Amino acid sequence: QVQLVESGGGLVQAGGSLRLSCAASGRVSSISRMAWYRQAPGEQRDLVAAISKGGDTNYADSVKGRFTISRDGAKNTVYLQMNGLKPEDTAVYYCHARDRVGLVDFGSWGQGTQVTVSS
């Protein structure tokens, strides 16, 4: 199993920046993909950005050009650099890891970190 711990959320004014971190532990060698999702009150949890084991990335259209996902393999940590933040980016941000054991994929979630963008 994979354990995830997020950090870096907070309150920021519109136009500002934050960097979220997600540290993985446990069965890290089998992780095939890590991603950030977010969930605003009353909304579903949506994908923000993802990075594969090979380094391929993909982003939600709403954050392209503003957010960057990256990873530090030595630290088993994934980052989400968020620039040009907007009030509509306000949400709880969750880290997710997909790891594969044999032919079976497992998913793990972090506890979430609140990001609030004031106008």
N, C-alpha and C. Protein backbone atom coordinates (compact mmCIF):
# COMPACT_ATOMS: atom_id res chain seq x y z
N GLN A 1 0.84 -1.18 0.00
CA GLN A 1 0.00 0.00 0.00
C GLN A 1 0.88 1.25 0.00
N VAL A 2 0.33 2.33 -0.51
CA VAL A 2 1.04 3.61 -0.59
C VAL A 2 0.37 4.59 0.36
N GLN A 3 1.18 5.31 1.11
CA GLN A 3 0.68 6.38 1.98
C GLN A 3 1.13 7.72 1.41
N LEU A 4 0.23 8.70 1.46
CA LEU A 4 0.49 10.01 0.88
C LEU A 4 0.24 11.10 1.92
N VAL A 5 1.13 12.06 1.98
CA VAL A 5 0.97 13.20 2.88
C VAL A 5 1.16 14.48 2.08
N GLU A 6 0.12 15.31 2.05
CA GLU A 6 0.16 16.57 1.32
C GLU A 6 0.52 17.72 2.25
N SER A 7 1.07 18.76 1.66
CA SER A 7 1.34 19.99 2.40
C SER A 7 1.40 21.14 1.41
N GLY A 8 1.33 22.36 1.94
CA GLY A 8 1.54 23.53 1.10
C GLY A 8 0.32 24.36 0.80
N GLY A 9 -0.85 23.92 1.23
CA GLY A 9 -2.04 24.72 0.99
C GLY A 9 -2.05 25.98 1.83
N GLY A 10 -3.04 26.82 1.58
CA GLY A 10 -3.16 28.04 2.36
C GLY A 10 -4.05 29.04 1.69
N LEU A 11 -3.98 30.27 2.20
CA LEU A 11 -4.77 31.38 1.68
C LEU A 11 -3.86 32.31 0.89
N VAL A 12 -4.31 32.66 -0.30
CA VAL A 12 -3.51 33.52 -1.16
C VAL A 12 -4.44 34.45 -1.94
N GLN A 13 -3.95 35.60 -2.29
CA GLN A 13 -4.75 36.52 -3.10
C GLN A 13 -4.72 36.11 -4.57
N ALA A 14 -5.73 36.52 -5.28
CA ALA A 14 -5.79 36.24 -6.71
C ALA A 14 -4.53 36.76 -7.40
N GLY A 15 -4.01 35.94 -8.30
CA GLY A 15 -2.77 36.28 -8.98
C GLY A 15 -1.53 35.74 -8.30
N GLY A 16 -1.69 35.24 -7.09
CA GLY A 16 -0.57 34.73 -6.32
C GLY A 16 -0.21 33.30 -6.69
N SER A 17 0.74 32.75 -5.93
CA SER A 17 1.26 31.41 -6.21
C SER A 17 1.31 30.58 -4.93
N LEU A 18 1.19 29.28 -5.11
CA LEU A 18 1.39 28.31 -4.05
C LEU A 18 2.04 27.08 -4.66
N ARG A 19 2.76 26.35 -3.83
CA ARG A 19 3.31 25.06 -4.25
C ARG A 19 2.86 23.99 -3.28
N LEU A 20 2.18 23.00 -3.83
CA LEU A 20 1.74 21.86 -3.03
C LEU A 20 2.76 20.74 -3.16
N SER A 21 2.93 20.00 -2.08
CA SER A 21 3.82 18.84 -2.07
C SER A 21 3.05 17.60 -1.64
N CYS A 22 3.45 16.47 -2.19
CA CYS A 22 2.83 15.20 -1.82
C CYS A 22 3.95 14.18 -1.67
N ALA A 23 4.19 13.76 -0.44
CA ALA A 23 5.25 12.79 -0.16
C ALA A 23 4.65 11.39 -0.06
N ALA A 24 5.22 10.47 -0.81
CA ALA A 24 4.73 9.08 -0.83
C ALA A 24 5.67 8.19 -0.02
N SER A 25 5.07 7.21 0.62
CA SER A 25 5.84 6.19 1.35
C SER A 25 5.14 4.86 1.18
N GLY A 26 5.82 3.80 1.59
CA GLY A 26 5.26 2.46 1.43
C GLY A 26 5.72 1.84 0.13
N ARG A 27 4.80 1.33 -0.66
CA ARG A 27 5.10 0.58 -1.88
C ARG A 27 5.38 1.53 -3.05
N VAL A 28 6.34 2.43 -2.88
CA VAL A 28 6.56 3.49 -3.86
C VAL A 28 7.13 2.97 -5.17
N SER A 29 7.84 1.87 -5.14
CA SER A 29 8.47 1.37 -6.35
C SER A 29 7.45 0.90 -7.38
N SER A 30 6.23 0.63 -6.94
CA SER A 30 5.20 0.15 -7.86
C SER A 30 4.26 1.25 -8.35
N ILE A 31 4.55 2.51 -7.97
CA ILE A 31 3.69 3.62 -8.40
C ILE A 31 3.87 3.86 -9.89
N SER A 32 2.78 3.88 -10.63
CA SER A 32 2.84 4.11 -12.06
C SER A 32 2.39 5.52 -12.45
N ARG A 33 1.67 6.18 -11.56
CA ARG A 33 1.15 7.51 -11.88
C ARG A 33 0.81 8.21 -10.59
N MET A 34 1.08 9.51 -10.55
CA MET A 34 0.61 10.33 -9.44
C MET A 34 -0.11 11.54 -9.99
N ALA A 35 -1.06 12.01 -9.23
CA ALA A 35 -1.91 13.08 -9.74
C ALA A 35 -2.42 13.95 -8.61
N TRP A 36 -2.87 15.14 -9.00
CA TRP A 36 -3.57 16.04 -8.11
C TRP A 36 -5.01 16.18 -8.59
N TYR A 37 -5.91 16.08 -7.65
CA TYR A 37 -7.33 16.32 -7.89
C TYR A 37 -7.76 17.47 -6.97
N ARG A 38 -8.90 18.05 -7.28
CA ARG A 38 -9.45 19.05 -6.38
C ARG A 38 -10.96 18.93 -6.31
N GLN A 39 -11.47 19.36 -5.17
CA GLN A 39 -12.90 19.28 -4.94
C GLN A 39 -13.37 20.52 -4.21
N ALA A 40 -14.22 21.28 -4.88
CA ALA A 40 -14.83 22.45 -4.27
C ALA A 40 -16.12 22.03 -3.57
N PRO A 41 -16.61 22.82 -2.61
CA PRO A 41 -17.83 22.46 -1.90
C PRO A 41 -18.99 22.23 -2.86
N GLY A 42 -19.67 21.09 -2.69
CA GLY A 42 -20.82 20.78 -3.53
C GLY A 42 -20.48 20.30 -4.93
N GLU A 43 -19.18 20.16 -5.21
CA GLU A 43 -18.76 19.75 -6.54
C GLU A 43 -18.12 18.35 -6.48
N GLN A 44 -17.95 17.76 -7.65
CA GLN A 44 -17.27 16.48 -7.71
C GLN A 44 -15.76 16.70 -7.68
N ARG A 45 -15.05 15.62 -7.40
CA ARG A 45 -13.59 15.68 -7.37
C ARG A 45 -13.07 15.54 -8.81
N ASP A 46 -12.31 16.52 -9.26
CA ASP A 46 -11.84 16.56 -10.64
C ASP A 46 -10.33 16.49 -10.72
N LEU A 47 -9.85 15.89 -11.80
CA LEU A 47 -8.42 15.84 -12.05
C LEU A 47 -7.89 17.23 -12.38
N VAL A 48 -6.76 17.57 -11.77
CA VAL A 48 -6.08 18.83 -12.05
C VAL A 48 -4.87 18.58 -12.94
N ALA A 49 -4.02 17.65 -12.51
CA ALA A 49 -2.79 17.35 -13.26
C ALA A 49 -2.31 15.97 -12.86
N ALA A 50 -1.62 15.31 -13.78
CA ALA A 50 -1.09 13.98 -13.52
C ALA A 50 0.28 13.83 -14.15
N ILE A 51 1.08 12.95 -13.58
CA ILE A 51 2.42 12.66 -14.12
C ILE A 51 2.65 11.17 -14.02
N SER A 52 3.09 10.59 -15.13
CA SER A 52 3.32 9.15 -15.16
C SER A 52 4.73 8.83 -14.67
N LYS A 53 4.96 7.55 -14.50
CA LYS A 53 6.29 7.11 -14.08
C LYS A 53 7.33 7.50 -15.11
N GLY A 54 6.92 7.56 -16.37
CA GLY A 54 7.83 7.95 -17.44
C GLY A 54 7.99 9.45 -17.60
N GLY A 55 7.22 10.21 -16.83
CA GLY A 55 7.35 11.66 -16.87
C GLY A 55 6.34 12.37 -17.75
N ASP A 56 5.45 11.63 -18.38
CA ASP A 56 4.41 12.27 -19.18
C ASP A 56 3.42 12.98 -18.26
N THR A 57 3.00 14.16 -18.69
CA THR A 57 2.07 14.95 -17.88
C THR A 57 0.81 15.28 -18.66
N ASN A 58 -0.26 15.51 -17.93
CA ASN A 58 -1.47 16.04 -18.54
C ASN A 58 -2.18 16.92 -17.52
N TYR A 59 -2.92 17.89 -18.04
CA TYR A 59 -3.53 18.93 -17.22
C TYR A 59 -4.98 19.15 -17.61
N ALA A 60 -5.76 19.56 -16.65
CA ALA A 60 -7.10 20.04 -16.94
C ALA A 60 -6.98 21.33 -17.75
N ASP A 61 -7.90 21.54 -18.67
CA ASP A 61 -7.84 22.73 -19.52
C ASP A 61 -7.82 24.01 -18.69
N SER A 62 -8.51 23.99 -17.57
CA SER A 62 -8.66 25.20 -16.75
C SER A 62 -7.36 25.64 -16.08
N VAL A 63 -6.37 24.76 -16.02
CA VAL A 63 -5.12 25.11 -15.35
C VAL A 63 -3.92 25.12 -16.28
N LYS A 64 -4.11 24.76 -17.52
CA LYS A 64 -2.99 24.73 -18.46
C LYS A 64 -2.35 26.12 -18.57
N GLY A 65 -1.04 26.11 -18.53
CA GLY A 65 -0.30 27.36 -18.61
C GLY A 65 -0.13 28.06 -17.28
N ARG A 66 -0.84 27.60 -16.24
CA ARG A 66 -0.72 28.21 -14.91
C ARG A 66 -0.13 27.25 -13.88
N PHE A 67 -0.47 25.99 -13.99
CA PHE A 67 -0.02 24.98 -13.03
C PHE A 67 1.01 24.07 -13.67
N THR A 68 1.94 23.61 -12.86
CA THR A 68 2.95 22.67 -13.34
C THR A 68 3.11 21.55 -12.33
N ILE A 69 3.00 20.31 -12.80
CA ILE A 69 3.23 19.15 -11.95
C ILE A 69 4.64 18.63 -12.21
N SER A 70 5.32 18.27 -11.15
CA SER A 70 6.68 17.75 -11.28
C SER A 70 6.92 16.74 -10.16
N ARG A 71 8.05 16.06 -10.24
CA ARG A 71 8.33 15.06 -9.21
C ARG A 71 9.82 15.02 -8.91
N ASP A 72 10.12 14.59 -7.71
CA ASP A 72 11.49 14.34 -7.28
C ASP A 72 11.55 12.87 -6.90
N GLY A 73 12.11 12.06 -7.78
CA GLY A 73 12.14 10.62 -7.54
C GLY A 73 12.92 10.23 -6.30
N ALA A 74 13.97 10.96 -6.03
CA ALA A 74 14.80 10.63 -4.88
C ALA A 74 14.05 10.84 -3.57
N LYS A 75 13.12 11.79 -3.57
CA LYS A 75 12.35 12.09 -2.36
C LYS A 75 10.96 11.46 -2.40
N ASN A 76 10.64 10.76 -3.50
CA ASN A 76 9.29 10.19 -3.65
C ASN A 76 8.22 11.25 -3.42
N THR A 77 8.45 12.41 -4.00
CA THR A 77 7.55 13.55 -3.78
C THR A 77 7.11 14.14 -5.12
N VAL A 78 5.86 14.49 -5.18
CA VAL A 78 5.29 15.17 -6.34
C VAL A 78 4.87 16.57 -5.92
N TYR A 79 5.07 17.51 -6.81
CA TYR A 79 4.75 18.91 -6.53
C TYR A 79 3.71 19.41 -7.52
N LEU A 80 2.96 20.40 -7.07
CA LEU A 80 2.07 21.13 -7.96
C LEU A 80 2.35 22.61 -7.75
N GLN A 81 3.03 23.22 -8.71
CA GLN A 81 3.29 24.65 -8.67
C GLN A 81 2.10 25.36 -9.30
N MET A 82 1.48 26.23 -8.54
CA MET A 82 0.27 26.92 -8.99
C MET A 82 0.56 28.41 -9.06
N ASN A 83 0.54 28.95 -10.26
CA ASN A 83 0.75 30.37 -10.48
C ASN A 83 -0.52 31.00 -11.04
N GLY A 84 -0.61 32.30 -10.94
CA GLY A 84 -1.78 33.00 -11.47
C GLY A 84 -3.08 32.47 -10.89
N LEU A 85 -3.09 32.24 -9.59
CA LEU A 85 -4.28 31.65 -8.97
C LEU A 85 -5.50 32.54 -9.09
N LYS A 86 -6.64 31.88 -9.25
CA LYS A 86 -7.92 32.56 -9.40
C LYS A 86 -8.87 32.10 -8.28
N PRO A 87 -9.86 32.90 -7.95
CA PRO A 87 -10.81 32.47 -6.91
C PRO A 87 -11.44 31.12 -7.22
N GLU A 88 -11.65 30.83 -8.49
CA GLU A 88 -12.26 29.55 -8.86
C GLU A 88 -11.32 28.36 -8.66
N ASP A 89 -10.09 28.60 -8.31
CA ASP A 89 -9.16 27.51 -7.95
C ASP A 89 -9.34 27.08 -6.50
N THR A 90 -10.16 27.81 -5.77
CA THR A 90 -10.40 27.46 -4.37
C THR A 90 -11.03 26.07 -4.25
N ALA A 91 -10.40 25.21 -3.47
CA ALA A 91 -10.86 23.83 -3.33
C ALA A 91 -9.95 23.12 -2.33
N VAL A 92 -10.35 21.91 -1.98
CA VAL A 92 -9.45 21.00 -1.28
C VAL A 92 -8.72 20.20 -2.36
N TYR A 93 -7.41 20.20 -2.27
CA TYR A 93 -6.58 19.52 -3.25
C TYR A 93 -6.11 18.18 -2.66
N TYR A 94 -6.29 17.13 -3.45
CA TYR A 94 -5.94 15.79 -3.01
C TYR A 94 -4.87 15.18 -3.93
N CYS A 95 -3.93 14.54 -3.32
CA CYS A 95 -2.93 13.77 -4.06
C CYS A 95 -3.43 12.34 -4.23
N HIS A 96 -3.15 11.76 -5.38
CA HIS A 96 -3.55 10.39 -5.66
C HIS A 96 -2.38 9.64 -6.28
N ALA A 97 -2.21 8.40 -5.87
CA ALA A 97 -1.18 7.54 -6.44
C ALA A 97 -1.82 6.26 -6.94
N ARG A 98 -1.41 5.86 -8.13
CA ARG A 98 -1.84 4.58 -8.69
C ARG A 98 -0.64 3.67 -8.68
N ASP A 99 -0.77 2.54 -8.03
CA ASP A 99 0.32 1.58 -8.06
C ASP A 99 -0.18 0.23 -8.54
N ARG A 100 0.68 -0.48 -9.19
CA ARG A 100 0.30 -1.74 -9.81
C ARG A 100 1.06 -2.89 -9.16
N VAL A 101 0.32 -3.92 -8.79
CA VAL A 101 0.90 -5.14 -8.26
C VAL A 101 0.42 -6.27 -9.16
N GLY A 102 1.34 -6.83 -9.92
CA GLY A 102 0.93 -7.83 -10.91
C GLY A 102 0.09 -7.17 -11.97
N LEU A 103 -1.13 -7.61 -12.12
CA LEU A 103 -2.06 -7.04 -13.10
C LEU A 103 -3.13 -6.18 -12.44
N VAL A 104 -2.98 -5.90 -11.17
CA VAL A 104 -4.01 -5.18 -10.42
C VAL A 104 -3.52 -3.79 -10.07
N ASP A 105 -4.35 -2.77 -10.35
CA ASP A 105 -4.06 -1.39 -9.98
C ASP A 105 -4.73 -1.05 -8.66
N PHE A 106 -3.98 -0.36 -7.82
CA PHE A 106 -4.51 0.14 -6.56
C PHE A 106 -4.42 1.66 -6.56
N GLY A 107 -5.34 2.29 -5.86
CA GLY A 107 -5.32 3.74 -5.75
C GLY A 107 -5.26 4.16 -4.31
N SER A 108 -4.50 5.21 -4.02
CA SER A 108 -4.38 5.74 -2.67
C SER A 108 -4.58 7.24 -2.72
N TRP A 109 -5.23 7.78 -1.68
CA TRP A 109 -5.49 9.21 -1.58
C TRP A 109 -4.79 9.78 -0.36
N GLY A 110 -4.37 11.04 -0.50
CA GLY A 110 -3.91 11.78 0.65
C GLY A 110 -5.09 12.36 1.40
N GLN A 111 -4.79 13.07 2.49
CA GLN A 111 -5.85 13.60 3.34
C GLN A 111 -6.43 14.91 2.82
N GLY A 112 -5.77 15.52 1.86
CA GLY A 112 -6.25 16.77 1.29
C GLY A 112 -5.65 17.99 1.95
N THR A 113 -5.49 19.04 1.17
CA THR A 113 -5.00 20.31 1.69
C THR A 113 -5.83 21.44 1.08
N GLN A 114 -6.24 22.36 1.92
CA GLN A 114 -7.14 23.43 1.49
C GLN A 114 -6.36 24.54 0.79
N VAL A 115 -6.86 24.95 -0.36
CA VAL A 115 -6.34 26.11 -1.07
C VAL A 115 -7.49 27.11 -1.21
N THR A 116 -7.27 28.32 -0.71
CA THR A 116 -8.28 29.36 -0.78
C THR A 116 -7.68 30.58 -1.47
N VAL A 117 -8.34 31.02 -2.53
CA VAL A 117 -7.87 32.18 -3.29
C VAL A 117 -8.89 33.30 -3.13
N SER A 118 -8.45 34.40 -2.56
CA SER A 118 -9.35 35.54 -2.34
C SER A 118 -9.27 36.51 -3.51
N SER A 119 -10.40 37.15 -3.76
CA SER A 119 -10.44 38.09 -4.90
C SER A 119 -10.04 39.49 -4.48
